[in-house]
Amino acid sequence: ELDLLREATISSILIHPNILYMKYMVRTVNYFYLISEKIDGEDLCDYIINKGRLSEKKAREIIYEVIIALQYLHNNYIIHRDVKCENIMREKGTGRIILLDFGSACFYTNFSSQINEFCGSPVYQAPEVILSQPYWGPELDIWGLGVVLYVLTTGRLPFDPSQPDMNDSSMVDLMYSKLIISTKATIIVIIIILIK
């Protein structure tokens, strides 16, 4: 219930065109309901399944809108911590990109102390999370965004954690060999892609 209350609290203060708008919350004796705007669209996972991998230009347009949403969150000291294709929707008709599912989101304190709570989806987790190391916050969202960009442009995940021989250290080694050496480098790569 604490996670749901945290999600409700964070969602209720977010007002941004690229973030799912939470209309209101209802709590009954046994249940807690979050009522959001209705989005007619599909998540990016389904979008890729239906359309196939995207051109760099189209991927850049989508990533740009997610970056705008993440910038808004980070400027308000909120980290999403579960940026993945399944948590990003594309609205039919308008093509608007919407970040949703704030169940793992939390506040962070402007780099005064690191966070030790670990969450997120394994394929999208940053090395810090997989290795159970403390983190500042925004770098987790940037890493997840890098994985989303990879999926959009290749049509597949960069690595498969379900392989039986994958332990934490081999997963991190594979991450570094497939993606970028650091989350700071990921930011640089995303910026370069957006400039092109």
C-alpha atoms as a PDB file:
ATOM      1  CA  GLU A   1       0.000   0.000   0.000  1.00  0.00           C
ATOM      2  CA  LEU A   2       2.939   2.342   0.638  1.00  0.00           C
ATOM      3  CA  ASP A   3       4.014   2.078  -3.024  1.00  0.00           C
ATOM      4  CA  LEU A   4       0.491   2.909  -4.161  1.00  0.00           C
ATOM      5  CA  LEU A   5       0.339   5.935  -1.859  1.00  0.00           C
ATOM      6  CA  ARG A   6       3.712   7.092  -3.167  1.00  0.00           C
ATOM      7  CA  GLU A   7       2.506   6.654  -6.754  1.00  0.00           C
ATOM      8  CA  ALA A   8      -0.687   8.571  -5.969  1.00  0.00           C
ATOM      9  CA  THR A   9       1.221  11.389  -4.280  1.00  0.00           C
ATOM     10  CA  ILE A  10       3.729  11.780  -7.096  1.00  0.00           C
ATOM     11  CA  SER A  11       1.153  11.386  -9.876  1.00  0.00           C
ATOM     12  CA  SER A  12      -1.135  13.993  -8.314  1.00  0.00           C
ATOM     13  CA  ILE A  13       1.467  16.777  -8.585  1.00  0.00           C
ATOM     14  CA  LEU A  14       2.580  16.092 -12.161  1.00  0.00           C
ATOM     15  CA  ILE A  15       1.098  18.307 -14.854  1.00  0.00           C
ATOM     16  CA  HIS A  16       2.921  17.926 -18.156  1.00  0.00           C
ATOM     17  CA  PRO A  17       1.725  17.057 -21.686  1.00  0.00           C
ATOM     18  CA  ASN A  18       4.132  14.089 -21.897  1.00  0.00           C
ATOM     19  CA  ILE A  19       3.143  12.601 -18.531  1.00  0.00           C
ATOM     20  CA  LEU A  20      -0.082  10.697 -17.848  1.00  0.00           C
ATOM     21  CA  TYR A  21      -2.467  13.079 -16.085  1.00  0.00           C
ATOM     22  CA  MET A  22      -3.947  11.732 -12.865  1.00  0.00           C
ATOM     23  CA  LYS A  23      -7.497  13.097 -12.610  1.00  0.00           C
ATOM     24  CA  TYR A  24      -8.281  11.981  -9.083  1.00  0.00           C
ATOM     25  CA  MET A  25      -7.846   9.310  -6.456  1.00  0.00           C
ATOM     26  CA  VAL A  26     -10.527   7.394  -4.581  1.00  0.00           C
ATOM     27  CA  ARG A  27      -9.970   5.353  -1.454  1.00  0.00           C
ATOM     28  CA  THR A  28     -12.570   2.935  -0.161  1.00  0.00           C
ATOM     29  CA  VAL A  29     -12.338   0.664   2.845  1.00  0.00           C
ATOM     30  CA  ASN A  30     -10.674  -2.092   0.825  1.00  0.00           C
ATOM     31  CA  TYR A  31      -9.354  -0.420  -2.329  1.00  0.00           C
ATOM     32  CA  PHE A  32      -7.457   2.561  -3.615  1.00  0.00           C
ATOM     33  CA  TYR A  33      -8.239   3.763  -7.150  1.00  0.00           C
ATOM     34  CA  LEU A  34      -6.185   6.072  -9.347  1.00  0.00           C
ATOM     35  CA  ILE A  35      -8.266   7.578 -12.149  1.00  0.00           C
ATOM     36  CA  SER A  36      -6.243   8.996 -15.023  1.00  0.00           C
ATOM     37  CA  GLU A  37      -6.908  10.578 -18.375  1.00  0.00           C
ATOM     38  CA  LYS A  38      -7.916   8.101 -21.082  1.00  0.00           C
ATOM     39  CA  ILE A  39      -5.273   7.561 -23.746  1.00  0.00           C
ATOM     40  CA  ASP A  40      -6.236   6.043 -27.077  1.00  0.00           C
ATOM     41  CA  GLY A  41      -2.972   4.515 -28.178  1.00  0.00           C
ATOM     42  CA  GLU A  42      -0.437   1.792 -27.580  1.00  0.00           C
ATOM     43  CA  ASP A  43       2.740   1.422 -25.595  1.00  0.00           C
ATOM     44  CA  LEU A  44       6.052   1.511 -27.449  1.00  0.00           C
ATOM     45  CA  CYS A  45       6.496  -2.246 -27.076  1.00  0.00           C
ATOM     46  CA  ASP A  46       3.277  -2.895 -29.018  1.00  0.00           C
ATOM     47  CA  TYR A  47       4.123  -0.071 -31.413  1.00  0.00           C
ATOM     48  CA  ILE A  48       7.448  -1.756 -32.321  1.00  0.00           C
ATOM     49  CA  ILE A  49       5.763  -5.158 -32.628  1.00  0.00           C
ATOM     50  CA  ASN A  50       3.195  -3.669 -35.047  1.00  0.00           C
ATOM     51  CA  LYS A  51       5.462  -1.295 -37.017  1.00  0.00           C
ATOM     52  CA  GLY A  52       8.891  -2.915 -36.708  1.00  0.00           C
ATOM     53  CA  ARG A  53      12.054  -1.046 -35.843  1.00  0.00           C
ATOM     54  CA  LEU A  54      11.986   2.683 -36.404  1.00  0.00           C
ATOM     55  CA  SER A  55      14.166   4.976 -38.459  1.00  0.00           C
ATOM     56  CA  GLU A  56      16.632   7.069 -36.476  1.00  0.00           C
ATOM     57  CA  LYS A  57      14.548  10.143 -37.308  1.00  0.00           C
ATOM     58  CA  LYS A  58      11.322   8.662 -35.902  1.00  0.00           C
ATOM     59  CA  ALA A  59      13.127   7.241 -32.849  1.00  0.00           C
ATOM     60  CA  ARG A  60      14.697  10.666 -32.250  1.00  0.00           C
ATOM     61  CA  GLU A  61      11.249  12.310 -32.271  1.00  0.00           C
ATOM     62  CA  ILE A  62       9.939   9.847 -29.685  1.00  0.00           C
ATOM     63  CA  ILE A  63      13.034  10.003 -27.468  1.00  0.00           C
ATOM     64  CA  TYR A  64      12.935  13.801 -27.536  1.00  0.00           C
ATOM     65  CA  GLU A  65       9.450  13.814 -25.991  1.00  0.00           C
ATOM     66  CA  VAL A  66      10.505  11.307 -23.324  1.00  0.00           C
ATOM     67  CA  ILE A  67      13.544  13.477 -22.516  1.00  0.00           C
ATOM     68  CA  ILE A  68      11.247  16.490 -22.083  1.00  0.00           C
ATOM     69  CA  ALA A  69       9.102  14.459 -19.640  1.00  0.00           C
ATOM     70  CA  LEU A  70      12.173  13.226 -17.736  1.00  0.00           C
ATOM     71  CA  GLN A  71      13.599  16.737 -17.583  1.00  0.00           C
ATOM     72  CA  TYR A  72      10.336  17.909 -16.012  1.00  0.00           C
ATOM     73  CA  LEU A  73      10.496  15.083 -13.456  1.00  0.00           C
ATOM     74  CA  HIS A  74      14.156  15.666 -12.610  1.00  0.00           C
ATOM     75  CA  ASN A  75      13.623  19.430 -12.298  1.00  0.00           C
ATOM     76  CA  ASN A  76      10.995  18.553  -9.682  1.00  0.00           C
ATOM     77  CA  TYR A  77      13.352  16.103  -7.891  1.00  0.00           C
ATOM     78  CA  ILE A  78      11.420  13.031  -9.015  1.00  0.00           C
ATOM     79  CA  ILE A  79      12.924   9.954 -10.627  1.00  0.00           C
ATOM     80  CA  HIS A  80      10.759   7.467 -12.520  1.00  0.00           C
ATOM     81  CA  ARG A  81      13.049   4.423 -12.018  1.00  0.00           C
ATOM     82  CA  ASP A  82      11.163   2.232 -14.502  1.00  0.00           C
ATOM     83  CA  VAL A  83      11.634   3.869 -17.905  1.00  0.00           C
ATOM     84  CA  LYS A  84      10.847   1.155 -20.441  1.00  0.00           C
ATOM     85  CA  CYS A  85       8.915   0.699 -23.677  1.00  0.00           C
ATOM     86  CA  GLU A  86       5.912  -0.679 -21.792  1.00  0.00           C
ATOM     87  CA  ASN A  87       5.669   2.542 -19.715  1.00  0.00           C
ATOM     88  CA  ILE A  88       5.697   4.909 -22.680  1.00  0.00           C
ATOM     89  CA  MET A  89       2.583   5.322 -24.815  1.00  0.00           C
ATOM     90  CA  ARG A  90       2.056   6.827 -28.239  1.00  0.00           C
ATOM     91  CA  GLU A  91      -1.339   8.466 -28.604  1.00  0.00           C
ATOM     92  CA  LYS A  92      -3.205   7.647 -31.824  1.00  0.00           C
ATOM     93  CA  GLY A  93      -4.016  10.630 -33.982  1.00  0.00           C
ATOM     94  CA  THR A  94      -1.714  13.143 -32.301  1.00  0.00           C
ATOM     95  CA  GLY A  95       1.365  10.922 -31.943  1.00  0.00           C
ATOM     96  CA  ARG A  96       1.919  12.464 -28.498  1.00  0.00           C
ATOM     97  CA  ILE A  97       4.327  10.456 -26.345  1.00  0.00           C
ATOM     98  CA  ILE A  98       3.209   9.885 -22.749  1.00  0.00           C
ATOM     99  CA  LEU A  99       5.264   8.554 -19.830  1.00  0.00           C
ATOM    100  CA  LEU A 100       3.183   6.546 -17.364  1.00  0.00           C
ATOM    101  CA  ASP A 101       3.288   4.123 -14.424  1.00  0.00           C
ATOM    102  CA  PHE A 102       4.823   5.942 -11.482  1.00  0.00           C
ATOM    103  CA  GLY A 103       4.684   2.923  -9.166  1.00  0.00           C
ATOM    104  CA  SER A 104       8.482   2.872  -8.815  1.00  0.00           C
ATOM    105  CA  ALA A 105       8.952   6.652  -8.820  1.00  0.00           C
ATOM    106  CA  CYS A 106      10.376   8.489  -5.847  1.00  0.00           C
ATOM    107  CA  PHE A 107      11.689  11.856  -4.782  1.00  0.00           C
ATOM    108  CA  TYR A 108      15.415  12.464  -4.594  1.00  0.00           C
ATOM    109  CA  THR A 109      17.277  15.175  -2.737  1.00  0.00           C
ATOM    110  CA  ASN A 110      19.418  17.007  -5.272  1.00  0.00           C
ATOM    111  CA  PHE A 111      22.528  14.868  -4.815  1.00  0.00           C
ATOM    112  CA  SER A 112      22.746  15.287  -1.030  1.00  0.00           C
ATOM    113  CA  SER A 113      22.449  11.557  -0.383  1.00  0.00           C
ATOM    114  CA  GLN A 114      22.342   8.433  -2.487  1.00  0.00           C
ATOM    115  CA  ILE A 115      19.368   6.081  -2.765  1.00  0.00           C
ATOM    116  CA  ASN A 116      19.626   2.451  -1.681  1.00  0.00           C
ATOM    117  CA  GLU A 117      16.192   1.242  -2.801  1.00  0.00           C
ATOM    118  CA  PHE A 118      16.366  -0.986  -5.856  1.00  0.00           C
ATOM    119  CA  CYS A 119      13.570  -1.412  -8.353  1.00  0.00           C
ATOM    120  CA  GLY A 120      12.743  -1.371 -12.048  1.00  0.00           C
ATOM    121  CA  SER A 121      12.518  -3.938 -14.810  1.00  0.00           C
ATOM    122  CA  PRO A 122      15.623  -6.152 -15.178  1.00  0.00           C
ATOM    123  CA  VAL A 123      16.288  -5.584 -18.894  1.00  0.00           C
ATOM    124  CA  TYR A 124      16.158  -1.807 -18.396  1.00  0.00           C
ATOM    125  CA  GLN A 125      18.027  -1.601 -15.065  1.00  0.00           C
ATOM    126  CA  ALA A 126      21.232   0.384 -14.832  1.00  0.00           C
ATOM    127  CA  PRO A 127      24.419  -1.398 -13.714  1.00  0.00           C
ATOM    128  CA  GLU A 128      24.221   0.345 -10.318  1.00  0.00           C
ATOM    129  CA  VAL A 129      20.900  -1.359  -9.601  1.00  0.00           C
ATOM    130  CA  ILE A 130      21.995  -4.799 -10.809  1.00  0.00           C
ATOM    131  CA  LEU A 131      25.127  -4.583  -8.645  1.00  0.00           C
ATOM    132  CA  SER A 132      23.096  -3.314  -5.628  1.00  0.00           C
ATOM    133  CA  GLN A 133      25.109  -0.091  -5.469  1.00  0.00           C
ATOM    134  CA  PRO A 134      23.662   3.204  -4.182  1.00  0.00           C
ATOM    135  CA  TYR A 135      22.722   5.730  -6.862  1.00  0.00           C
ATOM    136  CA  TRP A 136      21.822   9.416  -7.155  1.00  0.00           C
ATOM    137  CA  GLY A 137      18.684   8.937  -9.220  1.00  0.00           C
ATOM    138  CA  PRO A 138      18.398  10.529 -12.658  1.00  0.00           C
ATOM    139  CA  GLU A 139      21.081   8.278 -14.135  1.00  0.00           C
ATOM    140  CA  LEU A 140      18.703   5.311 -13.790  1.00  0.00           C
ATOM    141  CA  ASP A 141      16.150   7.060 -15.984  1.00  0.00           C
ATOM    142  CA  ILE A 142      18.821   7.959 -18.537  1.00  0.00           C
ATOM    143  CA  TRP A 143      20.071   4.362 -18.698  1.00  0.00           C
ATOM    144  CA  GLY A 144      16.512   3.079 -19.196  1.00  0.00           C
ATOM    145  CA  LEU A 145      16.034   5.688 -21.919  1.00  0.00           C
ATOM    146  CA  GLY A 146      19.184   4.407 -23.650  1.00  0.00           C
ATOM    147  CA  VAL A 147      17.728   0.889 -23.657  1.00  0.00           C
ATOM    148  CA  VAL A 148      14.436   2.255 -25.053  1.00  0.00           C
ATOM    149  CA  LEU A 149      16.382   3.985 -27.839  1.00  0.00           C
ATOM    150  CA  TYR A 150      18.168   0.711 -28.625  1.00  0.00           C
ATOM    151  CA  VAL A 151      14.841  -1.152 -28.809  1.00  0.00           C
ATOM    152  CA  LEU A 152      13.255   1.507 -31.031  1.00  0.00           C
ATOM    153  CA  THR A 153      16.096   1.465 -33.559  1.00  0.00           C
ATOM    154  CA  THR A 154      16.835  -2.280 -33.611  1.00  0.00           C
ATOM    155  CA  GLY A 155      13.439  -3.787 -32.821  1.00  0.00           C
ATOM    156  CA  ARG A 156      14.887  -6.028 -30.118  1.00  0.00           C
ATOM    157  CA  LEU A 157      16.252  -5.942 -26.589  1.00  0.00           C
ATOM    158  CA  PRO A 158      20.011  -5.466 -26.213  1.00  0.00           C
ATOM    159  CA  PHE A 159      20.372  -8.514 -23.931  1.00  0.00           C
ATOM    160  CA  ASP A 160      18.275 -11.332 -22.520  1.00  0.00           C
ATOM    161  CA  PRO A 161      18.469 -11.705 -18.726  1.00  0.00           C
ATOM    162  CA  SER A 162      16.433 -14.923 -18.841  1.00  0.00           C
ATOM    163  CA  GLN A 163      19.442 -16.859 -20.100  1.00  0.00           C
ATOM    164  CA  PRO A 164      20.318 -19.386 -17.375  1.00  0.00           C
ATOM    165  CA  ASP A 165      24.027 -18.500 -17.333  1.00  0.00           C
ATOM    166  CA  MET A 166      23.365 -14.801 -16.651  1.00  0.00           C
ATOM    167  CA  ASN A 167      24.455 -13.761 -13.175  1.00  0.00           C
ATOM    168  CA  ASP A 168      24.742 -10.163 -12.008  1.00  0.00           C
ATOM    169  CA  SER A 169      28.348  -9.616 -13.068  1.00  0.00           C
ATOM    170  CA  SER A 170      27.956 -11.262 -16.484  1.00  0.00           C
ATOM    171  CA  MET A 171      24.810  -9.184 -17.055  1.00  0.00           C
ATOM    172  CA  VAL A 172      26.708  -5.967 -16.311  1.00  0.00           C
ATOM    173  CA  ASP A 173      29.613  -7.060 -18.544  1.00  0.00           C
ATOM    174  CA  LEU A 174      27.131  -7.718 -21.333  1.00  0.00           C
ATOM    175  CA  MET A 175      25.470  -4.342 -20.746  1.00  0.00           C
ATOM    176  CA  TYR A 176      28.752  -2.524 -21.088  1.00  0.00           C
ATOM    177  CA  SER A 177      29.707  -4.424 -24.230  1.00  0.00           C
ATOM    178  CA  LYS A 178      26.324  -3.847 -25.914  1.00  0.00           C
ATOM    179  CA  LEU A 179      25.499  -0.343 -24.815  1.00  0.00           C
ATOM    180  CA  ILE A 180      27.571   2.489 -23.424  1.00  0.00           C
ATOM    181  CA  ILE A 181      30.394   2.482 -20.886  1.00  0.00           C
ATOM    182  CA  SER A 182      28.732   4.953 -18.510  1.00  0.00           C
ATOM    183  CA  THR A 183      25.448   6.703 -17.960  1.00  0.00           C
ATOM    184  CA  LYS A 184      27.198  10.029 -18.655  1.00  0.00           C
ATOM    185  CA  ALA A 185      28.259   8.658 -22.037  1.00  0.00           C
ATOM    186  CA  THR A 186      24.657   7.568 -22.618  1.00  0.00           C
ATOM    187  CA  ILE A 187      23.544  11.171 -22.138  1.00  0.00           C
ATOM    188  CA  ILE A 188      26.168  12.344 -24.641  1.00  0.00           C
ATOM    189  CA  VAL A 189      25.074   9.736 -27.206  1.00  0.00           C
ATOM    190  CA  ILE A 190      21.410  10.716 -26.813  1.00  0.00           C
ATOM    191  CA  ILE A 191      22.278  14.404 -27.229  1.00  0.00           C
ATOM    192  CA  ILE A 192      24.315  13.659 -30.368  1.00  0.00           C
ATOM    193  CA  ILE A 193      21.411  11.662 -31.805  1.00  0.00           C
ATOM    194  CA  LEU A 194      18.994  14.505 -31.092  1.00  0.00           C
ATOM    195  CA  ILE A 195      21.271  17.065 -32.755  1.00  0.00           C
ATOM    196  CA  LYS A 196      21.540  15.115 -36.034  1.00  0.00           C
END
